[in-house]
Amino acid sequence: MLSFLPEALIGTSVITVSAILKIMPKYTPTEESSAGVLCHDITEKKREEDRVMKLKLLSEAMASLSHVIKNISERMRRPDETSLASMCRAVWAEKCSGCPIDCPCKNMSSISSDTRFERFVSKLMTAGKLPSSRLSELTRCKCPKSDEIIDEINLRTSKMIEYALKFDKTGVFAFDYGTMSQMMSDAVSQSGVGYTIDRTLSERLSRALLRAGLAAENVVVCGDRKKYIVATGTSLLSGTLGTEDIRKICEDICGTKFLSPEYTVERGCAAMTLEGAKSYGVSYAGKQSEKDGERVCGDSVSVTESADGCFYCFICDGMGSGETAALTSRVCRVFLEKMLACGNDKTTTLEMLNMFLKNRGAECFATIDLLEIDMHTGTAAFIKSGAAPSYIVRGKNLYKISSGTLPVGILSDISAEITEFDLKTGDVIVMVSDGICGDPEFDGTWLSDYLTKEMSSDLTLTAEKIMMRARKEDKRSDDMTVELIRIDPPTAGARDTVPVFLEESAVWGEDFAI
């Protein structure tokens, strides 16, 4: 041991001196190549852009909804024209009963439709009260009880307005902190999942590109339902492989559609990126009809597409019929349009809608039939809250989807049933309101028979024929809506679209001018 020490010490001193004199190489940690750094930076940049876009869309949707809710609040604080008209007729019937004078105003209680009467009620709805001169313009006679009649009408109108103000809480509605937190969390977590690296696919794709003659230093495949590819290296721009050949290789390895590759050069290194394209397309058509005797349909239907490639179709059926039902269904429609278009989770969206209707303080219910189609994966889901059955036509087969749930706005916790399924190209989904087919006792099997035996490939023609048959078969009067959605092959270069939220004046005028 002692004889070994001098040699060991000499060896140590030699190494130390050599290191000081820089005779031996100095150890430094291995640095990641510029291509690897660029690949990482591009992926992180895309992830951050997606996160910012989702939060921006959510913010715009919330601001847009705020304006809509404010307008709804103003409208809800006034009695509707139907209620005012009924009240006016009741006052005339009471005051004119037993009147010895045979004047024209005696018949006002039985008027069903008259332009002068409609103007009278419209002015009353706008102003809240009217002078006795307005009554003279309507009756076109000197009635001895005109002051008494107009005073009673004004008194009852003020009580109706007071009641509306007392029970309508639309104007003070606000999302609770838990719901808002969940929305933000969903937006951030969804963007994170969208860029999780699939190392197995990355290695397979790297080898496939190398075999085809494209030697990339780094290849990354990330994403869950929608794929995103980043490849970097100095040799990318000098290869002989065409863009369509590259796209085809990527689609074969990853099992999904891609847009054509895009190239950039940064820090002297080339980068190639491919974004996932839609694997499915959608075409649709529909038809609506209001209940007999009503001038507006109490059903509202809409289609929208989110920024992450999900297609939505939904039917909102306000309970009852006429203007009140129409307004409720339109509120639901605009709410769903804005929240789903910005990428908000469908379950969270329905919970928010249920809370909004429940907190209004007045009876405000609606059935919701919501269809979600993922155009990247071909998966779909129905969410039904008190809605009528829906149908899926696949070749000669017919599948019926129904639920036994309650409309939104009744319970504090939403009553909804989710049914998930996979789609195939050529499938046709049929959605109807209960006016078409909602009661087995009355509807029987006529719709099922029609869809399996007589259905046309022309969706518009099919919707019209279903509506005509429903009017013939209908044993009860109700609003009617039918929507047909067909799953088509994707169009070339079908990329996701970012929604644009319209100015609220335009939205309000279109959706609530009833």
Protein backbone atom coordinates (compact mmCIF):
# COMPACT_ATOMS: atom_id res chain seq x y z
CA MET A 1 0.00 0.00 0.00
CA LEU A 2 2.78 2.43 0.97
CA SER A 3 4.76 1.54 -2.16
CA PHE A 4 1.69 2.39 -4.24
CA LEU A 5 1.12 5.88 -2.82
CA PRO A 6 4.09 7.67 -4.47
CA GLU A 7 3.05 6.40 -7.91
CA ALA A 8 -0.55 7.40 -7.29
CA LEU A 9 0.47 10.85 -6.12
CA ILE A 10 2.75 11.28 -9.13
CA GLY A 11 -0.09 10.24 -11.42
CA THR A 12 -2.44 12.73 -9.77
CA SER A 13 0.05 15.55 -10.09
CA VAL A 14 0.62 14.77 -13.76
CA ILE A 15 -3.12 14.89 -14.48
CA THR A 16 -3.54 18.11 -12.50
CA VAL A 17 -0.63 19.86 -14.20
CA SER A 18 -1.71 18.63 -17.61
CA ALA A 19 -5.22 19.97 -17.02
CA ILE A 20 -3.84 23.32 -15.91
CA LEU A 21 -1.58 23.51 -18.94
CA LYS A 22 -4.58 22.46 -21.14
CA ILE A 23 -2.64 19.48 -22.46
CA MET A 24 -5.66 17.20 -21.76
CA PRO A 25 -9.10 18.05 -23.23
CA LYS A 26 -11.49 19.83 -20.86
CA TYR A 27 -14.88 18.06 -20.21
CA THR A 28 -17.98 19.96 -21.31
CA PRO A 29 -21.63 18.74 -21.26
CA THR A 30 -23.00 17.66 -24.63
CA GLU A 31 -25.26 20.40 -26.08
CA GLU A 32 -28.40 19.72 -28.07
CA SER A 33 -27.97 20.32 -31.80
CA SER A 34 -29.38 23.47 -33.37
CA ALA A 35 -31.88 21.28 -35.27
CA GLY A 36 -33.09 19.76 -32.00
CA VAL A 37 -33.43 23.16 -30.35
CA LEU A 38 -35.36 24.50 -33.35
CA CYS A 39 -37.69 21.49 -33.31
CA HIS A 40 -38.43 22.05 -29.62
CA ASP A 41 -38.92 25.81 -30.10
CA ILE A 42 -41.38 25.34 -32.98
CA THR A 43 -43.44 22.85 -30.98
CA GLU A 44 -43.53 25.09 -27.91
CA LYS A 45 -44.41 28.13 -30.03
CA LYS A 46 -47.30 26.26 -31.65
CA ARG A 47 -48.51 25.09 -28.24
CA GLU A 48 -48.45 28.64 -26.87
CA GLU A 49 -50.20 30.05 -29.96
CA ASP A 50 -52.95 27.46 -29.56
CA ARG A 51 -53.35 28.25 -25.85
CA VAL A 52 -53.53 31.99 -26.49
CA MET A 53 -56.06 31.48 -29.31
CA LYS A 54 -58.34 29.35 -27.11
CA LEU A 55 -58.28 31.86 -24.27
CA LYS A 56 -58.82 34.76 -26.71
CA LEU A 57 -61.82 33.03 -28.30
CA LEU A 58 -63.24 32.23 -24.86
CA SER A 59 -62.83 35.87 -23.82
CA GLU A 60 -64.54 37.10 -27.01
CA ALA A 61 -67.39 34.63 -26.54
CA MET A 62 -67.93 35.74 -22.94
CA ALA A 63 -67.92 39.42 -23.94
CA SER A 64 -70.35 38.70 -26.76
CA LEU A 65 -72.66 36.78 -24.43
CA SER A 66 -72.55 39.64 -21.96
CA HIS A 67 -74.09 41.95 -24.58
CA VAL A 68 -76.70 39.35 -25.51
CA ILE A 69 -77.71 38.80 -21.88
CA LYS A 70 -78.01 42.56 -21.36
CA ASN A 71 -80.37 42.83 -24.34
CA ILE A 72 -82.38 39.84 -23.14
CA SER A 73 -82.69 41.47 -19.73
CA GLU A 74 -84.12 44.64 -21.26
CA ARG A 75 -86.64 42.61 -23.24
CA MET A 76 -87.62 40.42 -20.30
CA ARG A 77 -88.42 43.47 -18.17
CA ARG A 78 -91.44 44.21 -20.35
CA PRO A 79 -94.59 42.07 -20.54
CA ASP A 80 -95.00 40.33 -23.88
CA GLU A 81 -97.59 41.52 -26.39
CA THR A 82 -99.78 38.43 -26.03
CA SER A 83 -100.17 38.96 -22.27
CA LEU A 84 -100.89 42.67 -22.72
CA ALA A 85 -103.49 41.99 -25.42
CA SER A 86 -105.27 39.45 -23.19
CA MET A 87 -105.24 41.91 -20.29
CA CYS A 88 -106.73 44.70 -22.44
CA ARG A 89 -109.53 42.44 -23.65
CA ALA A 90 -110.27 41.40 -20.06
CA VAL A 91 -110.54 45.06 -18.97
CA TRP A 92 -112.94 45.84 -21.82
CA ALA A 93 -115.06 42.81 -20.98
CA GLU A 94 -115.30 43.90 -17.33
CA LYS A 95 -115.89 47.62 -17.86
CA CYS A 96 -118.26 47.33 -20.82
CA SER A 97 -120.40 44.63 -19.26
CA GLY A 98 -123.83 46.07 -18.47
CA CYS A 99 -123.04 49.42 -20.13
CA PRO A 100 -126.36 50.83 -21.48
CA ILE A 101 -124.62 52.72 -24.30
CA ASP A 102 -124.22 50.72 -27.50
CA CYS A 103 -120.81 52.02 -28.62
CA PRO A 104 -118.14 50.29 -30.77
CA CYS A 105 -115.79 49.72 -27.83
CA LYS A 106 -118.16 47.02 -26.53
CA ASN A 107 -116.79 44.68 -29.18
CA MET A 108 -113.12 45.32 -28.37
CA SER A 109 -112.95 42.35 -25.98
CA SER A 110 -113.67 39.93 -28.84
CA ILE A 111 -111.20 41.36 -31.39
CA SER A 112 -108.79 38.67 -32.55
CA SER A 113 -106.69 40.56 -35.07
CA ASP A 114 -106.88 44.24 -35.91
CA THR A 115 -104.13 46.61 -37.05
CA ARG A 116 -105.31 49.43 -34.77
CA PHE A 117 -105.47 47.09 -31.78
CA GLU A 118 -101.98 45.72 -32.51
CA ARG A 119 -100.60 49.28 -32.67
CA PHE A 120 -102.35 50.09 -29.38
CA VAL A 121 -100.79 47.08 -27.62
CA SER A 122 -97.39 47.77 -29.20
CA LYS A 123 -97.40 51.35 -27.89
CA LEU A 124 -98.46 50.10 -24.47
CA MET A 125 -95.62 47.58 -24.46
CA THR A 126 -93.06 50.25 -25.40
CA ALA A 127 -94.25 53.12 -23.19
CA GLY A 128 -95.66 51.22 -20.20
CA LYS A 129 -98.72 53.50 -20.02
CA LEU A 130 -100.98 55.38 -22.43
CA PRO A 131 -103.18 58.53 -22.34
CA SER A 132 -106.96 58.25 -22.82
CA SER A 133 -106.62 59.82 -26.28
CA ARG A 134 -105.04 56.57 -27.47
CA LEU A 135 -108.22 54.72 -26.52
CA SER A 136 -110.34 57.14 -28.56
CA GLU A 137 -108.10 56.55 -31.58
CA LEU A 138 -108.67 52.82 -31.19
CA THR A 139 -112.44 52.79 -30.57
CA ARG A 140 -113.17 55.82 -32.80
CA CYS A 141 -115.98 56.87 -30.48
CA LYS A 142 -116.58 58.96 -27.36
CA CYS A 143 -116.88 56.36 -24.61
CA PRO A 144 -118.09 57.59 -21.18
CA LYS A 145 -115.86 55.01 -19.49
CA SER A 146 -112.73 55.75 -21.53
CA ASP A 147 -110.85 57.31 -18.59
CA GLU A 148 -111.85 54.45 -16.31
CA ILE A 149 -110.80 51.85 -18.91
CA ILE A 150 -107.41 53.44 -19.68
CA ASP A 151 -106.65 53.93 -15.96
CA GLU A 152 -107.33 50.25 -15.30
CA ILE A 153 -105.20 49.19 -18.30
CA ASN A 154 -102.32 51.40 -17.12
CA LEU A 155 -102.63 50.08 -13.56
CA ARG A 156 -102.54 46.44 -14.63
CA THR A 157 -99.66 47.14 -17.03
CA SER A 158 -97.60 48.67 -14.22
CA LYS A 159 -98.26 45.60 -12.06
CA MET A 160 -97.17 43.31 -14.89
CA ILE A 161 -93.95 45.31 -15.32
CA GLU A 162 -93.35 45.22 -11.56
CA TYR A 163 -93.80 41.45 -11.58
CA ALA A 164 -91.39 41.05 -14.50
CA LEU A 165 -88.75 43.19 -12.77
CA LYS A 166 -89.17 41.31 -9.51
CA PHE A 167 -88.76 37.81 -10.89
CA ASP A 168 -86.43 38.30 -13.83
CA LYS A 169 -82.82 37.91 -12.72
CA THR A 170 -81.29 37.81 -16.18
CA GLY A 171 -79.61 41.18 -15.79
CA VAL A 172 -77.74 40.19 -12.64
CA PHE A 173 -76.74 36.75 -13.89
CA ALA A 174 -73.06 35.93 -13.50
CA PHE A 175 -71.08 32.73 -13.83
CA ASP A 176 -69.82 31.45 -10.51
CA TYR A 177 -66.10 31.22 -9.90
CA GLY A 178 -66.10 27.42 -10.06
CA THR A 179 -67.60 27.37 -13.56
CA MET A 180 -65.28 30.10 -14.83
CA SER A 181 -62.28 28.28 -13.36
CA GLN A 182 -63.36 25.06 -15.06
CA MET A 183 -63.69 26.82 -18.43
CA MET A 184 -60.19 28.31 -18.19
CA SER A 185 -58.75 25.01 -17.01
CA ASP A 186 -60.36 23.17 -19.93
CA ALA A 187 -58.97 25.68 -22.44
CA VAL A 188 -55.42 25.37 -21.10
CA SER A 189 -55.44 21.58 -20.61
CA GLN A 190 -56.85 20.93 -24.09
CA SER A 191 -54.02 22.90 -25.69
CA GLY A 192 -51.50 20.91 -23.63
CA VAL A 193 -52.90 17.54 -24.71
CA GLY A 194 -52.80 18.71 -28.31
CA TYR A 195 -48.97 18.77 -28.28
CA THR A 196 -47.98 15.72 -26.25
CA ILE A 197 -45.12 13.99 -28.12
CA ASP A 198 -45.78 10.48 -29.42
CA ARG A 199 -42.25 9.04 -29.35
CA THR A 200 -43.20 5.74 -30.99
CA LEU A 201 -44.76 7.46 -34.01
CA SER A 202 -41.88 9.94 -34.14
CA GLU A 203 -39.31 7.13 -34.47
CA ARG A 204 -41.38 5.23 -37.03
CA LEU A 205 -41.87 8.33 -39.16
CA SER A 206 -38.17 9.25 -38.94
CA ARG A 207 -37.18 5.80 -40.24
CA ALA A 208 -39.82 5.91 -43.01
CA LEU A 209 -38.61 9.31 -44.23
CA LEU A 210 -34.99 8.12 -44.12
CA ARG A 211 -35.84 5.05 -46.23
CA ALA A 212 -37.51 7.38 -48.76
CA GLY A 213 -34.36 9.51 -48.98
CA LEU A 214 -35.18 12.33 -46.55
CA ALA A 215 -32.65 12.44 -43.71
CA ALA A 216 -34.05 14.71 -40.98
CA GLU A 217 -32.00 15.25 -37.84
CA ASN A 218 -35.12 15.49 -35.67
CA VAL A 219 -38.69 14.32 -36.28
CA VAL A 220 -41.46 14.93 -33.76
CA VAL A 221 -45.08 13.74 -34.00
CA CYS A 222 -47.30 15.29 -31.35
CA GLY A 223 -50.99 15.58 -30.61
CA ASP A 224 -53.83 13.33 -29.58
CA ARG A 225 -56.93 13.63 -31.79
CA LYS A 226 -55.23 16.07 -34.19
CA LYS A 227 -51.62 15.36 -35.20
CA TYR A 228 -48.85 17.89 -35.76
CA ILE A 229 -45.44 17.03 -37.27
CA VAL A 230 -42.17 18.97 -36.98
CA ALA A 231 -38.99 17.85 -38.75
CA THR A 232 -35.69 19.78 -38.72
CA GLY A 233 -32.29 19.41 -40.35
CA THR A 234 -29.98 21.04 -42.89
CA SER A 235 -30.76 18.41 -45.55
CA LEU A 236 -34.52 19.01 -45.70
CA LEU A 237 -34.35 21.55 -48.52
CA SER A 238 -31.90 19.57 -50.62
CA GLY A 239 -33.87 16.32 -50.77
CA THR A 240 -35.58 15.10 -53.94
CA LEU A 241 -38.75 13.88 -52.22
CA GLY A 242 -41.84 15.88 -53.32
CA THR A 243 -44.29 17.49 -50.90
CA GLU A 244 -47.13 15.13 -51.86
CA ASP A 245 -44.83 12.12 -51.34
CA ILE A 246 -43.90 13.43 -47.90
CA ARG A 247 -47.54 14.01 -46.99
CA LYS A 248 -48.47 10.49 -48.15
CA ILE A 249 -45.72 8.92 -46.01
CA CYS A 250 -46.86 10.91 -42.97
CA GLU A 251 -50.49 9.87 -43.50
CA ASP A 252 -49.57 6.19 -43.89
CA ILE A 253 -47.47 6.13 -40.71
CA CYS A 254 -49.77 8.26 -38.52
CA GLY A 255 -53.08 6.93 -39.88
CA THR A 256 -54.65 10.36 -40.34
CA LYS A 257 -54.94 13.17 -42.90
CA PHE A 258 -52.41 16.01 -43.18
CA LEU A 259 -52.16 19.33 -44.99
CA SER A 260 -49.21 19.84 -47.34
CA PRO A 261 -45.86 20.48 -45.61
CA GLU A 262 -44.66 24.03 -44.99
CA TYR A 263 -40.99 25.04 -44.78
CA THR A 264 -39.09 27.70 -42.82
CA VAL A 265 -35.41 28.44 -42.30
CA GLU A 266 -34.20 29.67 -38.91
CA ARG A 267 -30.66 29.88 -37.46
CA GLY A 268 -29.31 28.34 -40.63
CA CYS A 269 -31.44 25.23 -40.13
CA ALA A 270 -34.49 24.16 -42.15
CA ALA A 271 -37.77 23.15 -40.54
CA MET A 272 -40.73 21.30 -42.06
CA THR A 273 -44.17 21.30 -40.41
CA LEU A 274 -47.37 19.42 -41.24
CA GLU A 275 -50.71 20.14 -39.60
CA GLY A 276 -53.46 17.55 -39.28
CA ALA A 277 -56.34 17.95 -41.74
CA LYS A 278 -59.95 16.90 -41.32
CA SER A 279 -60.57 13.23 -42.04
CA TYR A 280 -64.31 13.72 -42.54
CA GLY A 281 -66.62 16.27 -44.13
CA VAL A 282 -70.20 17.20 -43.26
CA SER A 283 -73.20 18.29 -45.32
CA TYR A 284 -76.59 19.14 -43.86
CA ALA A 285 -80.11 20.39 -44.60
CA GLY A 286 -83.21 21.08 -42.55
CA LYS A 287 -86.79 22.31 -42.43
CA GLN A 288 -88.89 24.15 -39.83
CA SER A 289 -92.57 24.96 -39.36
CA GLU A 290 -94.34 26.93 -36.64
CA LYS A 291 -97.40 25.70 -34.79
CA ASP A 292 -100.75 26.46 -36.43
CA GLY A 293 -101.94 29.92 -35.44
CA GLU A 294 -98.48 31.14 -34.35
CA ARG A 295 -96.32 33.57 -36.32
CA VAL A 296 -92.99 32.32 -34.93
CA CYS A 297 -91.52 28.87 -34.39
CA GLY A 298 -90.66 27.96 -30.81
CA ASP A 299 -87.80 25.74 -32.03
CA SER A 300 -84.34 27.12 -32.79
CA VAL A 301 -81.72 25.18 -34.71
CA SER A 302 -78.13 25.98 -35.58
CA VAL A 303 -74.86 24.49 -36.78
CA THR A 304 -71.42 25.73 -35.84
CA GLU A 305 -67.81 24.58 -35.96
CA SER A 306 -65.12 25.05 -33.34
CA ALA A 307 -61.53 26.10 -33.95
CA ASP A 308 -60.31 22.59 -33.10
CA GLY A 309 -62.32 20.84 -35.83
CA CYS A 310 -65.54 19.79 -34.10
CA PHE A 311 -68.90 20.21 -35.86
CA TYR A 312 -72.04 20.89 -33.81
CA CYS A 313 -75.72 20.75 -34.65
CA PHE A 314 -78.37 21.42 -32.03
CA ILE A 315 -82.12 21.87 -31.72
CA CYS A 316 -83.42 24.01 -28.85
CA ASP A 317 -87.14 23.66 -28.18
CA GLY A 318 -88.61 26.28 -25.84
CA MET A 319 -91.37 24.74 -23.73
CA GLY A 320 -94.78 25.79 -25.01
CA SER A 321 -95.21 27.72 -28.24
CA GLY A 322 -95.32 31.26 -29.57
CA GLU A 323 -93.09 34.21 -28.71
CA THR A 324 -92.13 33.13 -25.17
CA ALA A 325 -91.02 29.68 -26.34
CA ALA A 326 -89.26 31.24 -29.35
CA LEU A 327 -87.32 33.68 -27.17
CA THR A 328 -86.24 30.94 -24.75
CA SER A 329 -85.07 28.68 -27.58
CA ARG A 330 -83.16 31.54 -29.23
CA VAL A 331 -81.40 32.36 -25.97
CA CYS A 332 -80.30 28.72 -25.74
CA ARG A 333 -79.22 28.71 -29.37
CA VAL A 334 -77.02 31.82 -29.13
CA PHE A 335 -75.55 30.59 -25.83
CA LEU A 336 -74.58 27.23 -27.34
CA GLU A 337 -73.29 28.78 -30.57
CA LYS A 338 -70.85 31.09 -28.83
CA MET A 339 -69.61 28.72 -26.14
CA LEU A 340 -69.11 25.71 -28.43
CA ALA A 341 -67.52 27.73 -31.26
CA CYS A 342 -64.76 28.94 -28.94
CA GLY A 343 -63.91 25.34 -28.01
CA ASN A 344 -65.61 25.23 -24.62
CA ASP A 345 -66.35 21.71 -23.34
CA LYS A 346 -69.89 20.60 -24.24
CA THR A 347 -70.73 19.35 -20.74
CA THR A 348 -69.51 22.57 -19.09
CA THR A 349 -71.47 24.59 -21.67
CA LEU A 350 -74.74 22.78 -20.88
CA GLU A 351 -74.16 23.22 -17.15
CA MET A 352 -73.70 26.96 -17.70
CA LEU A 353 -76.87 27.16 -19.80
CA ASN A 354 -78.85 25.23 -17.20
CA MET A 355 -77.62 27.58 -14.47
CA PHE A 356 -78.53 30.63 -16.56
CA LEU A 357 -82.11 29.47 -17.19
CA LYS A 358 -82.58 28.24 -13.61
CA ASN A 359 -81.37 31.54 -12.12
CA ARG A 360 -83.69 33.67 -14.24
CA GLY A 361 -86.31 33.40 -11.52
CA ALA A 362 -89.16 32.66 -13.94
CA GLU A 363 -90.31 29.47 -15.60
CA CYS A 364 -87.92 29.21 -18.52
CA PHE A 365 -87.33 25.66 -19.77
CA ALA A 366 -86.06 24.19 -23.02
CA THR A 367 -85.18 20.78 -24.41
CA ILE A 368 -81.68 20.52 -25.89
CA ASP A 369 -80.64 18.03 -28.56
CA LEU A 370 -76.90 18.49 -29.16
CA LEU A 371 -74.79 16.56 -31.67
CA GLU A 372 -70.98 16.81 -31.64
CA ILE A 373 -68.89 15.37 -34.50
CA ASP A 374 -65.09 15.24 -34.32
CA MET A 375 -64.08 15.72 -37.96
CA HIS A 376 -60.53 14.54 -37.24
CA THR A 377 -61.33 11.19 -35.60
CA GLY A 378 -64.87 10.44 -36.81
CA THR A 379 -66.21 10.01 -33.28
CA ALA A 380 -69.54 11.58 -32.34
CA ALA A 381 -71.69 12.16 -29.28
CA PHE A 382 -75.31 13.03 -28.59
CA ILE A 383 -76.21 15.00 -25.47
CA LYS A 384 -79.94 15.03 -24.83
CA SER A 385 -81.85 16.98 -22.20
CA GLY A 386 -85.54 16.20 -22.62
CA ALA A 387 -85.10 15.96 -26.39
CA ALA A 388 -86.92 13.77 -28.92
CA PRO A 389 -85.24 10.61 -30.29
CA SER A 390 -82.64 10.85 -33.07
CA TYR A 391 -81.77 8.35 -35.79
CA ILE A 392 -78.62 7.15 -37.57
CA VAL A 393 -79.09 5.69 -41.04
CA ARG A 394 -76.18 3.45 -42.09
CA GLY A 395 -76.90 1.68 -45.35
CA LYS A 396 -79.93 -0.55 -44.75
CA ASN A 397 -79.62 -0.30 -40.97
CA LEU A 398 -81.38 2.20 -38.71
CA TYR A 399 -80.29 3.05 -35.16
CA LYS A 400 -82.44 4.99 -32.72
CA ILE A 401 -80.95 7.12 -29.91
CA SER A 402 -83.27 8.33 -27.16
CA SER A 403 -83.09 9.38 -23.52
CA GLY A 404 -85.39 9.85 -20.56
CA THR A 405 -84.11 13.18 -19.27
CA LEU A 406 -85.63 16.52 -18.26
CA PRO A 407 -85.33 19.87 -20.09
CA VAL A 408 -82.67 22.36 -18.99
CA GLY A 409 -83.68 25.07 -16.51
CA ILE A 410 -85.77 22.86 -14.21
CA LEU A 411 -83.24 21.34 -11.80
CA SER A 412 -80.14 22.88 -10.25
CA ASP A 413 -78.07 19.96 -11.57
CA ILE A 414 -78.45 19.36 -15.27
CA SER A 415 -80.34 16.27 -16.43
CA ALA A 416 -78.56 15.06 -19.56
CA GLU A 417 -77.58 11.77 -21.17
CA ILE A 418 -74.47 11.35 -23.35
CA THR A 419 -74.32 8.69 -26.07
CA GLU A 420 -70.98 8.29 -27.88
CA PHE A 421 -70.47 6.37 -31.14
CA ASP A 422 -68.16 6.05 -34.16
CA LEU A 423 -69.20 7.32 -37.58
CA LYS A 424 -68.59 6.05 -41.09
CA THR A 425 -68.59 7.92 -44.38
CA GLY A 426 -72.12 7.88 -45.79
CA ASP A 427 -73.90 7.83 -42.41
CA VAL A 428 -76.93 10.14 -42.18
CA ILE A 429 -77.98 11.49 -38.79
CA VAL A 430 -81.60 12.62 -38.41
CA MET A 431 -82.51 15.04 -35.61
CA VAL A 432 -86.11 16.10 -34.94
CA SER A 433 -88.06 18.12 -32.41
CA ASP A 434 -90.99 16.53 -30.57
CA GLY A 435 -93.41 18.13 -33.04
CA ILE A 436 -92.12 15.67 -35.67
CA CYS A 437 -91.76 12.57 -33.57
CA GLY A 438 -91.92 12.87 -29.82
CA ASP A 439 -94.81 10.71 -28.65
CA PRO A 440 -94.79 6.95 -29.46
CA GLU A 441 -98.56 6.78 -28.92
CA PHE A 442 -99.17 9.17 -31.83
CA ASP A 443 -96.08 8.77 -34.00
CA GLY A 444 -95.99 5.00 -34.33
CA THR A 445 -93.34 3.80 -36.76
CA TRP A 446 -93.92 6.03 -39.79
CA LEU A 447 -90.59 7.90 -39.49
CA SER A 448 -88.59 4.69 -39.06
CA ASP A 449 -90.33 3.17 -42.09
CA TYR A 450 -89.66 6.25 -44.19
CA LEU A 451 -85.95 6.42 -43.27
CA THR A 452 -85.35 2.76 -44.12
CA LYS A 453 -87.50 2.51 -47.26
CA GLU A 454 -88.02 5.90 -48.93
CA MET A 455 -85.13 8.15 -47.90
CA SER A 456 -83.48 10.09 -50.74
CA SER A 457 -79.80 10.98 -51.13
CA ASP A 458 -80.98 14.59 -51.53
CA LEU A 459 -81.00 15.87 -47.94
CA THR A 460 -83.11 18.96 -48.71
CA LEU A 461 -85.76 16.88 -50.48
CA THR A 462 -85.76 14.35 -47.64
CA ALA A 463 -86.26 17.09 -45.03
CA GLU A 464 -89.21 18.52 -47.00
CA LYS A 465 -90.85 15.09 -47.36
CA ILE A 466 -90.45 14.34 -43.65
CA MET A 467 -92.07 17.69 -42.82
CA MET A 468 -94.99 17.02 -45.20
CA ARG A 469 -95.51 13.54 -43.77
CA ALA A 470 -95.30 14.87 -40.19
CA ARG A 471 -98.05 17.42 -40.89
CA LYS A 472 -100.21 14.62 -42.26
CA GLU A 473 -99.53 12.21 -39.39
CA ASP A 474 -99.54 14.81 -36.61
CA LYS A 475 -102.39 14.35 -34.13
CA ARG A 476 -101.34 17.35 -32.03
CA SER A 477 -100.34 20.87 -33.03
CA ASP A 478 -96.74 21.83 -32.24
CA ASP A 479 -93.66 23.50 -33.69
CA MET A 480 -91.73 21.18 -36.03
CA THR A 481 -88.03 20.91 -36.88
CA VAL A 482 -86.04 18.29 -38.78
CA GLU A 483 -82.29 18.35 -39.45
CA LEU A 484 -80.27 15.87 -41.53
CA ILE A 485 -76.46 15.60 -41.33
CA ARG A 486 -74.46 13.38 -43.70
CA ILE A 487 -70.86 12.27 -43.13
CA ASP A 488 -68.86 12.89 -46.32
CA PRO A 489 -65.25 12.32 -47.41
CA PRO A 490 -63.04 15.31 -46.57
CA THR A 491 -62.38 18.01 -49.11
CA ALA A 492 -58.74 18.50 -50.12
CA GLY A 493 -56.82 20.72 -47.73
CA ALA A 494 -59.70 20.94 -45.24
CA ARG A 495 -58.19 22.83 -42.31
CA ASP A 496 -59.87 23.94 -39.08
CA THR A 497 -61.56 27.34 -39.16
CA VAL A 498 -61.36 29.99 -36.46
CA PRO A 499 -64.83 31.34 -35.57
CA VAL A 500 -65.64 35.04 -35.90
CA PHE A 501 -68.04 36.57 -33.39
CA LEU A 502 -70.39 39.09 -35.02
CA GLU A 503 -71.29 42.49 -33.65
CA GLU A 504 -74.07 42.08 -31.13
CA SER A 505 -76.42 44.50 -32.89
CA ALA A 506 -76.46 42.18 -35.89
CA VAL A 507 -76.86 39.06 -33.78
CA TRP A 508 -79.65 40.56 -31.72
CA GLY A 509 -81.55 41.76 -34.74
CA GLU A 510 -81.32 38.39 -36.46
CA ASP A 511 -82.00 36.09 -33.53
CA PHE A 512 -84.49 37.99 -31.41
CA ALA A 513 -86.63 40.01 -33.83
CA ILE A 514 -89.74 37.97 -33.11
